[in-house]
Amino acid sequence: MEGNPDFHRSGALKSLLTEGEEVIRTARAFDHPNWLDRIPAVPFIVLALACGFGTLVFITQII
């Protein structure tokens, strides 16, 4: 593709670029859920502390 001047003159390159731009637009339009926005602070802190404590207990059991 790099050294082929006919490819650059043809409509294939333009159609590939258009298709790529369309894919990017649709990917940005899809709304991914943001789970951290929906978790209140207190349950998040409790969950984080429980995970940290569980990891600490697991490591001390191995050692």
PDB file of N, CA and C in Angstrom:
ATOM      1  N   MET A   1       0.820  -1.197   0.000  1.00  0.00           N
ATOM      2  CA  MET A   1       0.000   0.000   0.000  1.00  0.00           C
ATOM      3  C   MET A   1       0.861   1.256   0.000  1.00  0.00           C
ATOM      4  N   GLU A   2       2.011   1.176   0.629  1.00  0.00           N
ATOM      5  CA  GLU A   2       2.827   2.366   0.800  1.00  0.00           C
ATOM      6  C   GLU A   2       3.378   2.884  -0.521  1.00  0.00           C
ATOM      7  N   GLY A   3       3.876   1.981  -1.358  1.00  0.00           N
ATOM      8  CA  GLY A   3       4.507   2.425  -2.582  1.00  0.00           C
ATOM      9  C   GLY A   3       3.625   2.345  -3.802  1.00  0.00           C
ATOM     10  N   ASN A   4       2.345   2.160  -3.632  1.00  0.00           N
ATOM     11  CA  ASN A   4       1.429   1.991  -4.754  1.00  0.00           C
ATOM     12  C   ASN A   4       0.653   3.288  -4.977  1.00  0.00           C
ATOM     13  N   PRO A   5       1.036   4.097  -5.967  1.00  0.00           N
ATOM     14  CA  PRO A   5       0.335   5.370  -6.193  1.00  0.00           C
ATOM     15  C   PRO A   5      -1.093   5.164  -6.685  1.00  0.00           C
ATOM     16  N   ASP A   6      -1.362   4.032  -7.351  1.00  0.00           N
ATOM     17  CA  ASP A   6      -2.728   3.771  -7.809  1.00  0.00           C
ATOM     18  C   ASP A   6      -3.680   3.579  -6.636  1.00  0.00           C
ATOM     19  N   PHE A   7      -3.169   2.993  -5.565  1.00  0.00           N
ATOM     20  CA  PHE A   7      -4.008   2.799  -4.380  1.00  0.00           C
ATOM     21  C   PHE A   7      -4.417   4.137  -3.787  1.00  0.00           C
ATOM     22  N   HIS A   8      -3.472   5.079  -3.745  1.00  0.00           N
ATOM     23  CA  HIS A   8      -3.770   6.391  -3.171  1.00  0.00           C
ATOM     24  C   HIS A   8      -4.750   7.181  -4.042  1.00  0.00           C
ATOM     25  N   ARG A   9      -4.706   6.972  -5.332  1.00  0.00           N
ATOM     26  CA  ARG A   9      -5.619   7.681  -6.234  1.00  0.00           C
ATOM     27  C   ARG A   9      -6.996   7.040  -6.260  1.00  0.00           C
ATOM     28  N   SER A  10      -7.063   5.773  -5.944  1.00  0.00           N
ATOM     29  CA  SER A  10      -8.350   5.079  -6.028  1.00  0.00           C
ATOM     30  C   SER A  10      -9.244   5.484  -4.858  1.00  0.00           C
ATOM     31  N   GLY A  11     -10.467   5.082  -4.931  1.00  0.00           N
ATOM     32  CA  GLY A  11     -11.413   5.389  -3.861  1.00  0.00           C
ATOM     33  C   GLY A  11     -11.284   4.438  -2.690  1.00  0.00           C
ATOM     34  N   ALA A  12     -10.423   3.421  -2.824  1.00  0.00           N
ATOM     35  CA  ALA A  12     -10.286   2.436  -1.749  1.00  0.00           C
ATOM     36  C   ALA A  12      -9.734   3.073  -0.482  1.00  0.00           C
ATOM     37  N   LEU A  13      -8.742   3.931  -0.626  1.00  0.00           N
ATOM     38  CA  LEU A  13      -8.155   4.583   0.538  1.00  0.00           C
ATOM     39  C   LEU A  13      -9.176   5.477   1.226  1.00  0.00           C
ATOM     40  N   LYS A  14      -9.914   6.240   0.440  1.00  0.00           N
ATOM     41  CA  LYS A  14     -10.926   7.130   1.014  1.00  0.00           C
ATOM     42  C   LYS A  14     -12.012   6.329   1.722  1.00  0.00           C
ATOM     43  N   SER A  15     -12.431   5.211   1.127  1.00  0.00           N
ATOM     44  CA  SER A  15     -13.470   4.408   1.767  1.00  0.00           C
ATOM     45  C   SER A  15     -12.952   3.764   3.051  1.00  0.00           C
ATOM     46  N   LEU A  16     -11.677   3.351   3.064  1.00  0.00           N
ATOM     47  CA  LEU A  16     -11.107   2.795   4.294  1.00  0.00           C
ATOM     48  C   LEU A  16     -11.039   3.845   5.395  1.00  0.00           C
ATOM     49  N   LEU A  17     -10.636   5.057   5.037  1.00  0.00           N
ATOM     50  CA  LEU A  17     -10.576   6.134   6.025  1.00  0.00           C
ATOM     51  C   LEU A  17     -11.963   6.490   6.547  1.00  0.00           C
ATOM     52  N   THR A  18     -12.939   6.524   5.658  1.00  0.00           N
ATOM     53  CA  THR A  18     -14.310   6.823   6.067  1.00  0.00           C
ATOM     54  C   THR A  18     -14.838   5.744   7.002  1.00  0.00           C
ATOM     55  N   GLU A  19     -14.558   4.500   6.660  1.00  0.00           N
ATOM     56  CA  GLU A  19     -15.011   3.393   7.504  1.00  0.00           C
ATOM     57  C   GLU A  19     -14.348   3.450   8.878  1.00  0.00           C
ATOM     58  N   GLY A  20     -13.057   3.776   8.920  1.00  0.00           N
ATOM     59  CA  GLY A  20     -12.354   3.901  10.196  1.00  0.00           C
ATOM     60  C   GLY A  20     -12.911   5.022  11.048  1.00  0.00           C
ATOM     61  N   GLU A  21     -13.213   6.155  10.426  1.00  0.00           N
ATOM     62  CA  GLU A  21     -13.796   7.274  11.172  1.00  0.00           C
ATOM     63  C   GLU A  21     -15.168   6.908  11.721  1.00  0.00           C
ATOM     64  N   GLU A  22     -15.936   6.149  10.950  1.00  0.00           N
ATOM     65  CA  GLU A  22     -17.261   5.724  11.405  1.00  0.00           C
ATOM     66  C   GLU A  22     -17.148   4.782  12.600  1.00  0.00           C
ATOM     67  N   VAL A  23     -16.177   3.890  12.561  1.00  0.00           N
ATOM     68  CA  VAL A  23     -15.968   2.970  13.684  1.00  0.00           C
ATOM     69  C   VAL A  23     -15.584   3.741  14.939  1.00  0.00           C
ATOM     70  N   ILE A  24     -14.721   4.736  14.782  1.00  0.00           N
ATOM     71  CA  ILE A  24     -14.316   5.546  15.934  1.00  0.00           C
ATOM     72  C   ILE A  24     -15.511   6.309  16.497  1.00  0.00           C
ATOM     73  N   ARG A  25     -16.338   6.872  15.619  1.00  0.00           N
ATOM     74  CA  ARG A  25     -17.516   7.619  16.078  1.00  0.00           C
ATOM     75  C   ARG A  25     -18.476   6.723  16.836  1.00  0.00           C
ATOM     76  N   THR A  26     -18.743   5.528  16.327  1.00  0.00           N
ATOM     77  CA  THR A  26     -19.683   4.634  17.008  1.00  0.00           C
ATOM     78  C   THR A  26     -19.101   4.115  18.307  1.00  0.00           C
ATOM     79  N   ALA A  27     -17.782   3.932  18.383  1.00  0.00           N
ATOM     80  CA  ALA A  27     -17.169   3.477  19.627  1.00  0.00           C
ATOM     81  C   ALA A  27     -17.272   4.551  20.697  1.00  0.00           C
ATOM     82  N   ARG A  28     -17.137   5.805  20.304  1.00  0.00           N
ATOM     83  CA  ARG A  28     -17.251   6.890  21.274  1.00  0.00           C
ATOM     84  C   ARG A  28     -18.700   7.122  21.680  1.00  0.00           C
ATOM     85  N   ALA A  29     -19.627   6.820  20.810  1.00  0.00           N
ATOM     86  CA  ALA A  29     -21.034   7.057  21.110  1.00  0.00           C
ATOM     87  C   ALA A  29     -21.565   6.045  22.113  1.00  0.00           C
ATOM     88  N   PHE A  30     -20.941   4.864  22.168  1.00  0.00           N
ATOM     89  CA  PHE A  30     -21.396   3.839  23.104  1.00  0.00           C
ATOM     90  C   PHE A  30     -21.044   4.275  24.515  1.00  0.00           C
ATOM     91  N   ASP A  31     -22.033   4.324  25.377  1.00  0.00           N
ATOM     92  CA  ASP A  31     -21.827   4.809  26.734  1.00  0.00           C
ATOM     93  C   ASP A  31     -21.442   3.641  27.636  1.00  0.00           C
ATOM     94  N   HIS A  32     -20.198   3.638  28.080  1.00  0.00           N
ATOM     95  CA  HIS A  32     -19.752   2.609  29.005  1.00  0.00           C
ATOM     96  C   HIS A  32     -20.181   3.005  30.415  1.00  0.00           C
ATOM     97  N   PRO A  33     -20.697   2.068  31.202  1.00  0.00           N
ATOM     98  CA  PRO A  33     -21.091   2.424  32.564  1.00  0.00           C
ATOM     99  C   PRO A  33     -19.866   2.718  33.420  1.00  0.00           C
ATOM    100  N   ASN A  34     -19.955   3.737  34.217  1.00  0.00           N
ATOM    101  CA  ASN A  34     -18.882   4.080  35.135  1.00  0.00           C
ATOM    102  C   ASN A  34     -19.307   3.610  36.520  1.00  0.00           C
ATOM    103  N   TRP A  35     -18.779   2.466  36.933  1.00  0.00           N
ATOM    104  CA  TRP A  35     -19.239   1.841  38.174  1.00  0.00           C
ATOM    105  C   TRP A  35     -18.829   2.640  39.396  1.00  0.00           C
ATOM    106  N   LEU A  36     -17.728   3.356  39.348  1.00  0.00           N
ATOM    107  CA  LEU A  36     -17.293   4.095  40.522  1.00  0.00           C
ATOM    108  C   LEU A  36     -18.179   5.304  40.799  1.00  0.00           C
ATOM    109  N   ASP A  37     -18.844   5.834  39.802  1.00  0.00           N
ATOM    110  CA  ASP A  37     -19.751   6.950  40.038  1.00  0.00           C
ATOM    111  C   ASP A  37     -20.982   6.522  40.816  1.00  0.00           C
ATOM    112  N   ARG A  38     -21.366   5.275  40.662  1.00  0.00           N
ATOM    113  CA  ARG A  38     -22.613   4.815  41.268  1.00  0.00           C
ATOM    114  C   ARG A  38     -22.422   4.248  42.667  1.00  0.00           C
ATOM    115  N   ILE A  39     -21.189   3.987  43.097  1.00  0.00           N
ATOM    116  CA  ILE A  39     -20.952   3.424  44.420  1.00  0.00           C
ATOM    117  C   ILE A  39     -20.756   4.574  45.408  1.00  0.00           C
ATOM    118  N   PRO A  40     -21.589   4.644  46.442  1.00  0.00           N
ATOM    119  CA  PRO A  40     -21.373   5.666  47.469  1.00  0.00           C
ATOM    120  C   PRO A  40     -20.046   5.422  48.197  1.00  0.00           C
ATOM    121  N   ALA A  41     -19.543   6.443  48.845  1.00  0.00           N
ATOM    122  CA  ALA A  41     -18.210   6.383  49.445  1.00  0.00           C
ATOM    123  C   ALA A  41     -18.106   5.333  50.549  1.00  0.00           C
ATOM    124  N   VAL A  42     -19.092   5.261  51.429  1.00  0.00           N
ATOM    125  CA  VAL A  42     -18.996   4.349  52.580  1.00  0.00           C
ATOM    126  C   VAL A  42     -18.954   2.887  52.139  1.00  0.00           C
ATOM    127  N   PRO A  43     -19.868   2.407  51.284  1.00  0.00           N
ATOM    128  CA  PRO A  43     -19.744   1.011  50.850  1.00  0.00           C
ATOM    129  C   PRO A  43     -18.449   0.742  50.080  1.00  0.00           C
ATOM    130  N   PHE A  44     -17.963   1.720  49.336  1.00  0.00           N
ATOM    131  CA  PHE A  44     -16.707   1.538  48.614  1.00  0.00           C
ATOM    132  C   PHE A  44     -15.544   1.375  49.587  1.00  0.00           C
ATOM    133  N   ILE A  45     -15.514   2.192  50.636  1.00  0.00           N
ATOM    134  CA  ILE A  45     -14.446   2.102  51.636  1.00  0.00           C
ATOM    135  C   ILE A  45     -14.524   0.776  52.380  1.00  0.00           C
ATOM    136  N   VAL A  46     -15.736   0.354  52.734  1.00  0.00           N
ATOM    137  CA  VAL A  46     -15.912  -0.927  53.424  1.00  0.00           C
ATOM    138  C   VAL A  46     -15.437  -2.074  52.538  1.00  0.00           C
ATOM    139  N   LEU A  47     -15.793  -2.041  51.276  1.00  0.00           N
ATOM    140  CA  LEU A  47     -15.364  -3.085  50.344  1.00  0.00           C
ATOM    141  C   LEU A  47     -13.843  -3.087  50.184  1.00  0.00           C
ATOM    142  N   ALA A  48     -13.248  -1.911  50.075  1.00  0.00           N
ATOM    143  CA  ALA A  48     -11.791  -1.821  49.929  1.00  0.00           C
ATOM    144  C   ALA A  48     -11.077  -2.336  51.174  1.00  0.00           C
ATOM    145  N   LEU A  49     -11.574  -1.981  52.349  1.00  0.00           N
ATOM    146  CA  LEU A  49     -10.961  -2.464  53.588  1.00  0.00           C
ATOM    147  C   LEU A  49     -11.124  -3.972  53.738  1.00  0.00           C
ATOM    148  N   ALA A  50     -12.285  -4.499  53.362  1.00  0.00           N
ATOM    149  CA  ALA A  50     -12.505  -5.946  53.437  1.00  0.00           C
ATOM    150  C   ALA A  50     -11.558  -6.690  52.501  1.00  0.00           C
ATOM    151  N   CYS A  51     -11.363  -6.163  51.305  1.00  0.00           N
ATOM    152  CA  CYS A  51     -10.431  -6.794  50.359  1.00  0.00           C
ATOM    153  C   CYS A  51      -8.999  -6.720  50.884  1.00  0.00           C
ATOM    154  N   GLY A  52      -8.632  -5.586  51.432  1.00  0.00           N
ATOM    155  CA  GLY A  52      -7.286  -5.439  51.992  1.00  0.00           C
ATOM    156  C   GLY A  52      -7.058  -6.358  53.173  1.00  0.00           C
ATOM    157  N   PHE A  53      -8.049  -6.451  54.059  1.00  0.00           N
ATOM    158  CA  PHE A  53      -7.935  -7.337  55.218  1.00  0.00           C
ATOM    159  C   PHE A  53      -7.885  -8.797  54.777  1.00  0.00           C
ATOM    160  N   GLY A  54      -8.716  -9.165  53.812  1.00  0.00           N
ATOM    161  CA  GLY A  54      -8.701 -10.535  53.299  1.00  0.00           C
ATOM    162  C   GLY A  54      -7.368 -10.888  52.667  1.00  0.00           C
ATOM    163  N   THR A  55      -6.786  -9.952  51.943  1.00  0.00           N
ATOM    164  CA  THR A  55      -5.470 -10.183  51.341  1.00  0.00           C
ATOM    165  C   THR A  55      -4.409 -10.348  52.418  1.00  0.00           C
ATOM    166  N   LEU A  56      -4.465  -9.531  53.455  1.00  0.00           N
ATOM    167  CA  LEU A  56      -3.516  -9.628  54.559  1.00  0.00           C
ATOM    168  C   LEU A  56      -3.623 -10.978  55.261  1.00  0.00           C
ATOM    169  N   VAL A  57      -4.839 -11.428  55.525  1.00  0.00           N
ATOM    170  CA  VAL A  57      -5.048 -12.732  56.160  1.00  0.00           C
ATOM    171  C   VAL A  57      -4.536 -13.846  55.258  1.00  0.00           C
ATOM    172  N   PHE A  58      -4.807 -13.753  53.974  1.00  0.00           N
ATOM    173  CA  PHE A  58      -4.354 -14.775  53.024  1.00  0.00           C
ATOM    174  C   PHE A  58      -2.829 -14.865  52.993  1.00  0.00           C
ATOM    175  N   ILE A  59      -2.164 -13.714  52.971  1.00  0.00           N
ATOM    176  CA  ILE A  59      -0.698 -13.706  52.920  1.00  0.00           C
ATOM    177  C   ILE A  59      -0.111 -14.255  54.218  1.00  0.00           C
ATOM    178  N   THR A  60      -0.692 -13.894  55.365  1.00  0.00           N
ATOM    179  CA  THR A  60      -0.167 -14.407  56.633  1.00  0.00           C
ATOM    180  C   THR A  60      -0.397 -15.908  56.763  1.00  0.00           C
ATOM    181  N   GLN A  61      -1.449 -16.437  56.174  1.00  0.00           N
ATOM    182  CA  GLN A  61      -1.674 -17.885  56.206  1.00  0.00           C
ATOM    183  C   GLN A  61      -0.650 -18.618  55.351  1.00  0.00           C
ATOM    184  N   ILE A  62      -0.235 -17.999  54.250  1.00  0.00           N
ATOM    185  CA  ILE A  62       0.763 -18.626  53.380  1.00  0.00           C
ATOM    186  C   ILE A  62       2.129 -18.627  54.065  1.00  0.00           C
ATOM    187  N   ILE A  63       2.451 -17.522  54.718  1.00  0.00           N
ATOM    188  CA  ILE A  63       3.759 -17.402  55.389  1.00  0.00           C
ATOM    189  C   ILE A  63       3.676 -18.165  56.678  1.00  0.00           C
TER     190      ILE A  63
END
